[in-house]
Amino acid sequence: MESFESDNIMQTHAVAAGHRLTAQAAETTLQQGGNAYDAIIAAVLMSFVSEPLLSSPGGGGFLMVSGPGQTPKLLDFFSNTPLIDSDNLAPSDWDFYPISGNFGDKSQEFHIGRAAAVVPGVVAGIFKAHEKLASMPLTQLALPAIEAAAKGIEVNRQQAFVAKILTPVISASQEAEQLYHGLTHGAVWKNKQLADFLDTLSKSDTDWFYRQPMSAKMYDSADCLLQANDFARYKCVIREPLLIQCGDYRVLTNPTPSTGGLLIADQLKHCQNTATQQPVFDAMFAMEQNKNKRLSTVSRGTTHISVTDNRGHLAALTISNGEGNGFVVPDCGFMMNNFLGESDINSEGFFNWTSGQRMRSMMAPTIIHHPNNQFALGSGGSNRIKTAIFQVAYHLIYNNSLLKTAVERPRMHIENKHLDLEPGFSGADIDHFKNRVDVTQWQNHNLYFGGVNAVQTGETIAAVGDFRRHGCGLVGLKNDGISEG
């Protein structure tokens, strides 16, 4: 993990992301005078290059923003269900099939294929954020990503590991295999088509992406469930955040129709209303017992970016491409999502949707306000997102932990009456857990338990990139550039 934390006398801003290049794109933008929102746009564009199997123009996500004199808001650019009626559709009649991703100690099944994709919302979210919040031209914000894609990046261990997990996805089509086969540790990976796509995108408007001929590249197949009207009707939605008051802490997170924020709120409220020796476990256990009260949803292939600037603005952005559907958009260098192929996000079963509705998600970018300090955080990690963010927030709020400590503490995850534990829990703790649930003790820390990338501003400025996903945290210095752990 890369991180930095100190008094704010010499600090100006902080960035945390899932990859060094993603964080550096934001840092460069802030050094050039951009605000937190400029920086997070530059960072998400770079993430398409540096984290290509986790972040894509073919995906969806959410952006939480807050700042002095500004009403906090949540930009929802997750995907809608197809407009086509699902009543007479059968998965077996379409390009839609299961594969398995292997995390090492655990594997998960998901479905891919052309019929697994829905309209991506990321581009609409970028343009809405730029219109409402940014101060720099989009062409300037996109430049680091364009240059990196054209010149090539060195593949780090994390992205090589993700590529290994998703081998069935990147082997699903000849185009995907050609594009992604080079994602091996230490290799230089170039994506000239993505560079050209980003260059054109930065000089266009949102209509260019969601109208023909560009949109047709994403649905022009007999095996695809999408139509031109699915793209033409798509909009980014601005929502009022869900607010939870925990003593002196105000927690802002993702509201309905998504469920991740609601589940985080439930767990934090449980900790307020109970006094036990194991409040984190008990809150998660109670949520598991009552999980039918909330629709469980999932976005597995996710990454998160957090930024604060020297004016006190905070931005937290989580983006997902699912696992990708296995097919590269022609001449564009990116893969479409497979959100229709994730079982938890389709809680009523595959091919059983209400037409044209916003899909639910577990993603929950979160901002925490305190009189002395403010935090922006979020996580990737499937349905572990809710428990990863909750555990970090718990340590910040109830244990008054340093940000680095809160992120590094060992994590747990309960699902279907089974508890997964990272190394670091005491024998007494484990015995307590075993009296309540079945327990699996993992041998190593793992991206399975999420990747919380978080920043802090106020009396202390800090940035922490989660070591579980090789995250990067950078803090800007007034006199000496940047610093990192």
Protein backbone atom coordinates (compact mmCIF):
# COMPACT_ATOMS: atom_id res chain seq x y z
CA MET A 1 0.00 0.00 0.00
CA GLU A 2 1.18 3.53 -0.71
CA SER A 3 0.00 6.19 1.71
CA PHE A 4 0.86 9.49 3.33
CA GLU A 5 -0.45 11.19 6.44
CA SER A 6 0.67 14.27 8.42
CA ASP A 7 -0.30 17.69 9.70
CA ASN A 8 -1.71 19.92 6.98
CA ILE A 9 0.78 22.78 7.46
CA MET A 10 2.65 21.82 4.31
CA GLN A 11 -0.09 19.83 2.59
CA THR A 12 -2.45 21.03 -0.12
CA HIS A 13 -4.39 18.08 -1.51
CA ALA A 14 -4.69 14.30 -1.45
CA VAL A 15 -5.46 11.55 -3.96
CA ALA A 16 -6.03 7.81 -3.51
CA ALA A 17 -6.67 5.37 -6.34
CA GLY A 18 -6.26 1.78 -7.42
CA HIS A 19 -3.18 2.41 -9.56
CA ARG A 20 -0.22 4.79 -9.40
CA LEU A 21 -0.93 6.21 -12.87
CA THR A 22 -4.57 6.84 -11.97
CA ALA A 23 -3.49 8.77 -8.88
CA GLN A 24 -0.78 10.64 -10.77
CA ALA A 25 -3.28 11.85 -13.39
CA ALA A 26 -5.32 13.43 -10.60
CA GLU A 27 -2.19 14.80 -8.92
CA THR A 28 -0.97 16.40 -12.15
CA THR A 29 -4.35 18.06 -12.65
CA LEU A 30 -4.31 19.48 -9.11
CA GLN A 31 -0.76 20.78 -9.58
CA GLN A 32 -1.99 22.55 -12.72
CA GLY A 33 -4.62 24.40 -10.68
CA GLY A 34 -7.59 22.14 -11.25
CA ASN A 35 -10.11 21.38 -8.55
CA ALA A 36 -10.98 17.98 -7.06
CA TYR A 37 -13.59 17.39 -9.75
CA ASP A 38 -11.18 18.11 -12.60
CA ALA A 39 -8.76 15.73 -10.92
CA ILE A 40 -11.23 12.90 -10.54
CA ILE A 41 -12.27 13.20 -14.20
CA ALA A 42 -8.62 12.99 -15.28
CA ALA A 43 -8.15 10.03 -12.96
CA VAL A 44 -11.13 8.03 -14.22
CA LEU A 45 -10.03 8.60 -17.82
CA MET A 46 -6.58 7.30 -16.89
CA SER A 47 -8.11 4.29 -15.13
CA PHE A 48 -9.44 3.12 -18.51
CA VAL A 49 -5.77 2.70 -19.46
CA SER A 50 -4.12 1.67 -16.20
CA GLU A 51 -6.93 -0.56 -14.85
CA PRO A 52 -8.56 -1.74 -18.09
CA LEU A 53 -10.33 -4.82 -16.72
CA LEU A 54 -11.80 -2.92 -13.77
CA SER A 55 -12.64 0.41 -15.40
CA SER A 56 -13.99 1.07 -18.89
CA PRO A 57 -16.05 3.52 -20.94
CA GLY A 58 -18.31 0.47 -21.28
CA GLY A 59 -19.22 0.44 -17.58
CA GLY A 60 -21.13 2.45 -14.99
CA GLY A 61 -20.66 4.04 -11.61
CA PHE A 62 -21.31 6.80 -9.11
CA LEU A 63 -19.67 10.06 -8.01
CA MET A 64 -20.22 11.65 -4.58
CA VAL A 65 -19.18 15.31 -4.23
CA SER A 66 -19.13 17.82 -1.38
CA GLY A 67 -17.40 21.10 -0.60
CA PRO A 68 -17.60 24.47 1.16
CA GLY A 69 -20.81 26.29 0.27
CA GLN A 70 -21.88 23.38 -1.91
CA THR A 71 -24.86 21.09 -1.46
CA PRO A 72 -23.57 17.49 -1.45
CA LYS A 73 -24.79 15.46 -4.40
CA LEU A 74 -24.53 11.99 -5.88
CA LEU A 75 -24.12 11.59 -9.64
CA ASP A 76 -25.67 8.26 -10.64
CA PHE A 77 -24.30 7.03 -13.96
CA PHE A 78 -25.01 3.36 -13.48
CA SER A 79 -26.78 1.40 -16.22
CA ASN A 80 -30.44 0.90 -17.12
CA THR A 81 -32.08 -2.40 -18.00
CA PRO A 82 -32.79 -2.86 -21.74
CA LEU A 83 -35.98 -1.38 -23.19
CA ILE A 84 -36.85 -4.69 -24.81
CA ASP A 85 -39.48 -6.70 -22.90
CA SER A 86 -37.86 -9.68 -21.19
CA ASP A 87 -41.06 -11.75 -20.86
CA ASN A 88 -40.47 -13.86 -23.95
CA LEU A 89 -36.68 -13.98 -23.81
CA ALA A 90 -34.67 -17.01 -22.71
CA PRO A 91 -30.93 -16.81 -21.89
CA SER A 92 -30.30 -20.03 -23.83
CA ASP A 93 -31.44 -18.32 -27.04
CA TRP A 94 -28.79 -15.62 -26.78
CA ASP A 95 -25.03 -15.22 -26.55
CA PHE A 96 -25.05 -15.58 -22.77
CA TYR A 97 -23.13 -18.23 -20.84
CA PRO A 98 -21.42 -18.91 -17.48
CA ILE A 99 -17.72 -18.79 -16.65
CA SER A 100 -15.79 -18.92 -13.37
CA GLY A 101 -13.26 -16.47 -11.93
CA ASN A 102 -10.70 -17.88 -9.51
CA PHE A 103 -9.54 -15.64 -6.62
CA GLY A 104 -7.20 -18.30 -5.24
CA ASP A 105 -9.00 -19.29 -2.04
CA LYS A 106 -12.44 -18.90 -3.62
CA SER A 107 -14.05 -18.87 -7.08
CA GLN A 108 -17.17 -17.11 -8.37
CA GLU A 109 -19.44 -17.78 -11.34
CA PHE A 110 -20.73 -15.06 -13.63
CA HIS A 111 -22.18 -14.85 -17.14
CA ILE A 112 -20.72 -13.11 -20.16
CA GLY A 113 -21.52 -12.75 -23.86
CA ARG A 114 -22.95 -10.02 -26.08
CA ALA A 115 -26.37 -10.39 -24.45
CA ALA A 116 -24.91 -9.64 -21.00
CA ALA A 117 -24.26 -5.96 -21.80
CA VAL A 118 -26.40 -2.93 -20.97
CA VAL A 119 -25.97 0.73 -21.92
CA PRO A 120 -22.83 2.12 -20.25
CA GLY A 121 -23.27 5.29 -18.20
CA VAL A 122 -19.67 6.29 -17.52
CA VAL A 123 -19.37 8.71 -20.43
CA ALA A 124 -22.61 10.48 -19.47
CA GLY A 125 -21.29 10.75 -15.91
CA ILE A 126 -18.00 12.26 -17.06
CA PHE A 127 -19.75 14.87 -19.18
CA LYS A 128 -22.26 15.73 -16.42
CA ALA A 129 -19.48 16.11 -13.85
CA HIS A 130 -17.49 18.25 -16.27
CA GLU A 131 -20.50 20.44 -17.06
CA LYS A 132 -21.53 20.99 -13.42
CA LEU A 133 -18.28 20.89 -11.47
CA ALA A 134 -15.08 21.14 -13.51
CA SER A 135 -12.93 24.18 -14.32
CA MET A 136 -10.51 22.83 -16.94
CA PRO A 137 -11.12 21.81 -20.59
CA LEU A 138 -11.90 18.14 -21.09
CA THR A 139 -9.20 17.96 -23.77
CA GLN A 140 -6.62 18.89 -21.14
CA LEU A 141 -8.01 16.44 -18.57
CA ALA A 142 -7.90 13.58 -21.08
CA LEU A 143 -4.34 14.24 -22.25
CA PRO A 144 -2.50 12.09 -19.65
CA ALA A 145 -4.70 9.10 -20.44
CA ILE A 146 -4.35 9.57 -24.20
CA GLU A 147 -0.57 9.75 -23.96
CA ALA A 148 -0.36 6.74 -21.65
CA ALA A 149 -2.54 4.60 -23.92
CA ALA A 150 -0.51 5.52 -27.00
CA LYS A 151 2.95 5.14 -25.45
CA GLY A 152 2.11 2.14 -23.29
CA ILE A 153 2.14 1.44 -19.55
CA GLU A 154 4.05 -1.10 -17.50
CA VAL A 155 1.60 -3.71 -16.20
CA ASN A 156 1.75 -4.01 -12.42
CA ARG A 157 1.22 -7.14 -10.36
CA GLN A 158 -2.37 -6.25 -9.49
CA GLN A 159 -3.56 -5.82 -13.08
CA ALA A 160 -1.77 -9.02 -14.11
CA PHE A 161 -3.56 -10.85 -11.28
CA VAL A 162 -6.93 -9.45 -12.39
CA ALA A 163 -6.19 -10.59 -15.95
CA LYS A 164 -5.47 -14.08 -14.63
CA ILE A 165 -8.75 -14.16 -12.70
CA LEU A 166 -10.62 -13.02 -15.80
CA THR A 167 -8.83 -15.29 -18.28
CA PRO A 168 -12.18 -16.78 -19.47
CA VAL A 169 -13.39 -13.25 -20.27
CA ILE A 170 -10.35 -12.04 -22.16
CA SER A 171 -10.27 -15.33 -24.08
CA ALA A 172 -13.93 -15.13 -25.10
CA SER A 173 -13.28 -13.48 -28.47
CA GLN A 174 -10.35 -13.07 -30.80
CA GLU A 175 -10.47 -9.28 -30.44
CA ALA A 176 -10.42 -9.46 -26.63
CA GLU A 177 -7.55 -11.93 -26.64
CA GLN A 178 -5.54 -9.74 -29.00
CA LEU A 179 -6.13 -6.64 -26.88
CA TYR A 180 -5.64 -8.02 -23.38
CA HIS A 181 -3.23 -10.96 -23.75
CA GLY A 182 -0.32 -8.61 -23.04
CA LEU A 183 -1.50 -7.86 -19.49
CA THR A 184 1.33 -9.76 -17.83
CA HIS A 185 3.39 -8.45 -14.94
CA GLY A 186 6.21 -6.18 -16.12
CA ALA A 187 5.11 -6.06 -19.75
CA VAL A 188 4.50 -2.78 -21.60
CA TRP A 189 0.86 -2.67 -22.73
CA LYS A 190 -0.29 -0.26 -25.43
CA ASN A 191 -3.82 0.55 -26.57
CA LYS A 192 -3.70 2.86 -29.60
CA GLN A 193 -7.40 2.38 -30.34
CA LEU A 194 -8.32 3.57 -26.85
CA ALA A 195 -6.01 6.58 -27.24
CA ASP A 196 -7.81 7.56 -30.45
CA PHE A 197 -11.21 6.97 -28.83
CA LEU A 198 -10.36 9.19 -25.84
CA ASP A 199 -8.99 11.89 -28.12
CA THR A 200 -12.24 11.99 -30.10
CA LEU A 201 -14.35 11.78 -26.93
CA SER A 202 -12.57 14.73 -25.33
CA LYS A 203 -13.33 16.89 -28.37
CA SER A 204 -16.98 15.83 -28.61
CA ASP A 205 -20.06 15.93 -26.40
CA THR A 206 -22.15 13.26 -24.75
CA ASP A 207 -24.39 12.92 -27.82
CA TRP A 208 -21.44 11.65 -29.85
CA PHE A 209 -21.16 8.55 -27.63
CA TYR A 210 -24.89 7.84 -27.28
CA ARG A 211 -25.91 8.46 -30.90
CA GLN A 212 -25.08 6.72 -34.14
CA PRO A 213 -22.65 5.88 -35.60
CA MET A 214 -20.70 5.53 -32.32
CA SER A 215 -23.53 3.89 -30.36
CA ALA A 216 -24.11 1.35 -33.14
CA LYS A 217 -20.65 -0.08 -32.49
CA MET A 218 -21.88 -1.14 -29.05
CA TYR A 219 -25.13 -2.83 -30.13
CA ASP A 220 -24.71 -3.76 -33.81
CA SER A 221 -25.02 -7.52 -33.33
CA ALA A 222 -27.90 -9.97 -33.58
CA ASP A 223 -26.83 -11.35 -30.20
CA CYS A 224 -27.10 -7.99 -28.42
CA LEU A 225 -30.26 -7.00 -26.53
CA LEU A 226 -29.68 -3.26 -26.94
CA GLN A 227 -31.10 -0.89 -29.54
CA ALA A 228 -30.44 2.68 -30.64
CA ASN A 229 -33.17 3.99 -28.35
CA ASP A 230 -31.53 2.42 -25.28
CA PHE A 231 -28.55 4.69 -25.86
CA ALA A 232 -30.48 7.79 -26.94
CA ARG A 233 -32.61 7.73 -23.77
CA TYR A 234 -29.80 7.22 -21.27
CA LYS A 235 -29.20 10.05 -18.73
CA CYS A 236 -26.95 10.63 -15.75
CA VAL A 237 -29.14 11.30 -12.68
CA ILE A 238 -28.24 13.66 -9.82
CA ARG A 239 -29.53 12.44 -6.44
CA GLU A 240 -29.60 13.66 -2.84
CA PRO A 241 -27.16 11.53 -0.80
CA LEU A 242 -28.29 9.23 1.98
CA LEU A 243 -27.34 10.83 5.33
CA ILE A 244 -26.46 8.92 8.52
CA GLN A 245 -25.60 10.83 11.71
CA CYS A 246 -23.13 9.00 13.97
CA GLY A 247 -22.40 11.31 16.89
CA ASP A 248 -20.33 14.20 15.51
CA TYR A 249 -19.88 12.40 12.18
CA ARG A 250 -22.18 12.97 9.19
CA VAL A 251 -21.92 10.10 6.71
CA LEU A 252 -23.06 10.74 3.13
CA THR A 253 -23.41 7.70 0.89
CA ASN A 254 -25.25 6.27 -2.12
CA PRO A 255 -29.08 6.47 -1.82
CA THR A 256 -31.79 4.35 -3.40
CA PRO A 257 -32.38 2.81 -5.88
CA SER A 258 -28.95 1.33 -5.15
CA THR A 259 -28.54 -0.68 -1.97
CA GLY A 260 -24.88 -0.45 -0.96
CA GLY A 261 -25.35 2.80 0.95
CA LEU A 262 -28.45 1.49 2.71
CA LEU A 263 -26.56 -1.57 3.94
CA ILE A 264 -23.64 0.54 5.17
CA ALA A 265 -26.14 2.76 7.00
CA ASP A 266 -27.81 -0.28 8.58
CA GLN A 267 -24.48 -1.53 9.93
CA LEU A 268 -23.39 1.86 11.29
CA LYS A 269 -26.78 2.34 12.98
CA HIS A 270 -26.50 -1.12 14.53
CA CYS A 271 -23.18 -0.10 16.10
CA GLN A 272 -24.85 2.99 17.58
CA ASN A 273 -27.61 0.97 19.18
CA THR A 274 -25.65 -1.88 20.70
CA ALA A 275 -22.78 -2.39 23.12
CA THR A 276 -20.98 -5.67 22.44
CA GLN A 277 -17.43 -6.96 22.44
CA GLN A 278 -17.60 -7.61 18.70
CA PRO A 279 -19.62 -4.70 17.24
CA VAL A 280 -18.32 -5.11 13.68
CA PHE A 281 -19.09 -8.82 13.55
CA ASP A 282 -22.45 -8.36 15.28
CA ALA A 283 -23.50 -5.58 12.88
CA MET A 284 -22.53 -7.69 9.87
CA PHE A 285 -24.19 -10.78 11.34
CA ALA A 286 -27.42 -8.83 11.92
CA MET A 287 -27.32 -7.55 8.34
CA GLU A 288 -26.83 -11.10 7.06
CA GLN A 289 -29.79 -12.32 9.12
CA ASN A 290 -31.96 -9.58 7.63
CA LYS A 291 -30.55 -9.62 4.11
CA ASN A 292 -33.92 -10.42 2.54
CA LYS A 293 -35.03 -6.97 3.64
CA ARG A 294 -32.55 -5.47 1.19
CA LEU A 295 -31.88 -6.62 -2.35
CA SER A 296 -28.36 -7.92 -2.49
CA THR A 297 -26.52 -6.60 -5.50
CA VAL A 298 -23.02 -6.87 -6.84
CA SER A 299 -20.45 -5.27 -9.11
CA ARG A 300 -17.32 -7.41 -9.05
CA GLY A 301 -14.89 -5.69 -11.40
CA THR A 302 -14.68 -2.33 -9.66
CA THR A 303 -12.19 0.35 -8.70
CA HIS A 304 -12.42 3.53 -6.64
CA ILE A 305 -10.85 7.01 -6.68
CA SER A 306 -10.92 9.61 -3.88
CA VAL A 307 -9.70 13.23 -4.15
CA THR A 308 -9.61 16.34 -1.96
CA ASP A 309 -8.19 19.68 -3.10
CA ASN A 310 -6.75 22.73 -1.32
CA ARG A 311 -10.18 24.39 -1.29
CA GLY A 312 -11.83 21.65 0.75
CA HIS A 313 -13.72 19.96 -2.09
CA LEU A 314 -14.15 16.20 -1.76
CA ALA A 315 -14.89 13.71 -4.52
CA ALA A 316 -15.38 9.95 -4.32
CA LEU A 317 -15.94 7.95 -7.52
CA THR A 318 -16.56 4.22 -7.90
CA ILE A 319 -16.68 2.63 -11.34
CA SER A 320 -17.36 -0.90 -12.55
CA ASN A 321 -17.34 -2.85 -15.77
CA GLY A 322 -18.54 -6.02 -14.08
CA GLU A 323 -16.15 -8.60 -15.47
CA GLY A 324 -16.63 -7.39 -19.04
CA ASN A 325 -18.74 -9.28 -21.56
CA GLY A 326 -15.83 -10.67 -23.59
CA PHE A 327 -16.20 -8.44 -26.65
CA VAL A 328 -14.24 -5.33 -27.58
CA VAL A 329 -16.08 -2.37 -29.11
CA PRO A 330 -14.72 -2.12 -32.70
CA ASP A 331 -11.89 0.40 -33.17
CA CYS A 332 -12.35 1.76 -29.62
CA GLY A 333 -10.09 -0.39 -27.43
CA PHE A 334 -12.48 -1.12 -24.58
CA MET A 335 -14.85 -3.89 -23.53
CA MET A 336 -18.54 -3.60 -22.72
CA ASN A 337 -19.93 -4.53 -19.30
CA ASN A 338 -21.72 -7.78 -18.40
CA PHE A 339 -24.16 -6.36 -15.82
CA LEU A 340 -27.01 -8.58 -17.06
CA GLY A 341 -24.77 -11.56 -16.29
CA GLU A 342 -24.21 -10.88 -12.60
CA SER A 343 -26.59 -13.00 -10.55
CA ASP A 344 -26.87 -10.71 -7.54
CA ILE A 345 -27.55 -7.61 -9.57
CA ASN A 346 -30.37 -9.52 -11.30
CA SER A 347 -32.08 -10.60 -8.09
CA GLU A 348 -35.23 -11.80 -9.87
CA GLY A 349 -33.22 -14.10 -12.13
CA PHE A 350 -31.54 -13.68 -15.48
CA PHE A 351 -33.62 -12.14 -18.29
CA ASN A 352 -36.32 -11.07 -15.86
CA TRP A 353 -36.09 -7.30 -15.73
CA THR A 354 -38.45 -4.33 -15.75
CA SER A 355 -37.70 -2.49 -18.98
CA GLY A 356 -35.73 0.75 -18.88
CA GLN A 357 -35.16 0.87 -15.11
CA ARG A 358 -31.99 1.92 -13.31
CA MET A 359 -30.16 -1.17 -12.13
CA ARG A 360 -29.24 -1.46 -8.46
CA SER A 361 -25.64 -1.59 -7.33
CA MET A 362 -23.57 -2.26 -4.24
CA MET A 363 -21.19 0.59 -5.13
CA ALA A 364 -21.27 3.27 -2.45
CA PRO A 365 -18.83 6.19 -2.73
CA THR A 366 -18.93 7.82 0.69
CA ILE A 367 -18.01 11.16 2.26
CA ILE A 368 -17.75 11.62 6.04
CA HIS A 369 -17.89 15.07 7.65
CA HIS A 370 -16.58 15.84 11.15
CA PRO A 371 -15.93 19.29 12.68
CA ASN A 372 -12.17 18.65 12.53
CA ASN A 373 -11.70 16.33 9.55
CA GLN A 374 -13.47 15.16 6.42
CA PHE A 375 -13.00 11.90 4.53
CA ALA A 376 -13.77 10.60 1.05
CA LEU A 377 -13.68 6.84 0.56
CA GLY A 378 -15.06 3.93 -1.39
CA SER A 379 -14.14 0.45 -2.51
CA GLY A 380 -14.15 -2.10 -5.23
CA GLY A 381 -14.86 -5.69 -4.36
CA SER A 382 -18.22 -7.13 -5.37
CA ASN A 383 -20.71 -7.57 -2.56
CA ARG A 384 -17.80 -7.04 -0.16
CA ILE A 385 -18.03 -3.32 -0.97
CA LYS A 386 -20.62 -2.75 1.74
CA THR A 387 -18.60 -4.55 4.42
CA ALA A 388 -15.23 -3.06 3.41
CA ILE A 389 -16.50 0.53 3.55
CA PHE A 390 -18.44 -0.14 6.75
CA GLN A 391 -15.39 -1.55 8.53
CA VAL A 392 -13.16 1.38 7.57
CA ALA A 393 -15.89 3.89 8.50
CA TYR A 394 -16.42 2.09 11.82
CA HIS A 395 -12.75 2.38 12.75
CA LEU A 396 -12.70 6.08 11.79
CA ILE A 397 -15.89 6.95 13.67
CA TYR A 398 -15.97 4.65 16.69
CA ASN A 399 -12.26 3.93 17.24
CA ASN A 400 -10.95 7.34 16.12
CA SER A 401 -8.35 5.46 14.08
CA LEU A 402 -5.82 7.05 11.80
CA LEU A 403 -6.90 6.68 8.19
CA LYS A 404 -4.01 4.35 7.38
CA THR A 405 -4.84 2.16 10.38
CA ALA A 406 -8.53 2.03 9.48
CA VAL A 407 -7.74 0.82 5.96
CA GLU A 408 -5.07 -1.68 7.03
CA ARG A 409 -7.04 -3.40 9.81
CA PRO A 410 -7.92 -7.04 8.96
CA ARG A 411 -11.37 -7.48 7.44
CA MET A 412 -14.13 -10.01 7.56
CA HIS A 413 -17.08 -10.77 5.31
CA ILE A 414 -20.26 -12.73 6.12
CA GLU A 415 -22.36 -14.27 3.37
CA ASN A 416 -24.83 -17.16 3.50
CA LYS A 417 -23.97 -17.83 7.17
CA HIS A 418 -20.30 -18.21 6.30
CA LEU A 419 -17.55 -15.91 7.58
CA ASP A 420 -14.35 -15.23 5.64
CA LEU A 421 -11.50 -13.80 7.73
CA GLU A 422 -8.27 -12.11 6.76
CA PRO A 423 -5.15 -12.89 8.82
CA GLY A 424 -4.81 -10.80 11.98
CA PHE A 425 -7.77 -11.71 14.18
CA SER A 426 -7.01 -13.12 17.63
CA GLY A 427 -7.69 -16.70 18.62
CA ALA A 428 -10.34 -15.50 21.06
CA ASP A 429 -12.07 -13.54 18.29
CA ILE A 430 -12.04 -16.55 15.98
CA ASP A 431 -13.47 -18.82 18.68
CA HIS A 432 -16.26 -16.28 19.24
CA PHE A 433 -17.04 -16.21 15.52
CA LYS A 434 -17.05 -20.01 15.24
CA ASN A 435 -19.80 -20.18 17.85
CA ARG A 436 -22.05 -18.26 15.45
CA VAL A 437 -21.06 -19.15 11.88
CA ASP A 438 -18.82 -21.35 9.76
CA VAL A 439 -15.41 -19.73 9.40
CA THR A 440 -12.75 -19.76 6.66
CA GLN A 441 -9.40 -18.23 7.62
CA TRP A 442 -7.58 -16.91 4.57
CA GLN A 443 -3.81 -17.37 4.44
CA ASN A 444 -3.15 -13.93 2.94
CA HIS A 445 -4.75 -10.55 2.51
CA ASN A 446 -6.65 -10.51 -0.78
CA LEU A 447 -8.49 -8.20 -3.15
CA TYR A 448 -11.53 -10.36 -2.37
CA PHE A 449 -11.97 -8.20 0.76
CA GLY A 450 -12.24 -4.98 -1.21
CA GLY A 451 -9.90 -2.13 -1.96
CA VAL A 452 -10.73 1.00 0.06
CA ASN A 453 -8.98 4.06 -1.38
CA ALA A 454 -9.49 7.03 0.93
CA VAL A 455 -8.41 10.62 1.53
CA GLN A 456 -8.69 12.96 4.50
CA THR A 457 -8.63 16.76 4.80
CA GLY A 458 -8.92 19.17 7.73
CA GLU A 459 -6.56 19.09 10.71
CA THR A 460 -4.78 16.21 9.00
CA ILE A 461 -4.41 15.57 5.28
CA ALA A 462 -3.90 11.96 4.28
CA ALA A 463 -4.19 9.61 1.33
CA VAL A 464 -4.30 5.82 1.56
CA GLY A 465 -4.42 3.36 -1.32
CA ASP A 466 -5.47 -0.10 -0.16
CA PHE A 467 -2.54 -2.54 -0.23
CA ARG A 468 -4.99 -5.38 -1.02
CA ARG A 469 -5.31 -3.98 -4.53
CA HIS A 470 -1.92 -2.28 -4.80
CA GLY A 471 -3.56 1.13 -4.39
CA CYS A 472 -1.68 4.43 -4.41
CA GLY A 473 -2.05 7.42 -2.09
CA LEU A 474 -0.46 10.81 -2.89
CA VAL A 475 -0.43 14.07 -0.91
CA GLY A 476 0.58 17.38 -2.51
CA LEU A 477 3.20 19.51 -0.73
CA LYS A 478 3.29 23.29 -0.91
CA ASN A 479 7.03 23.46 -1.46
CA ASP A 480 8.23 20.01 -2.44
CA GLY A 481 5.82 18.54 -4.96
CA ILE A 482 4.21 15.32 -3.75
CA SER A 483 4.79 12.75 -1.05
CA GLU A 484 3.80 9.14 -0.65
CA GLY A 485 4.43 6.23 1.68
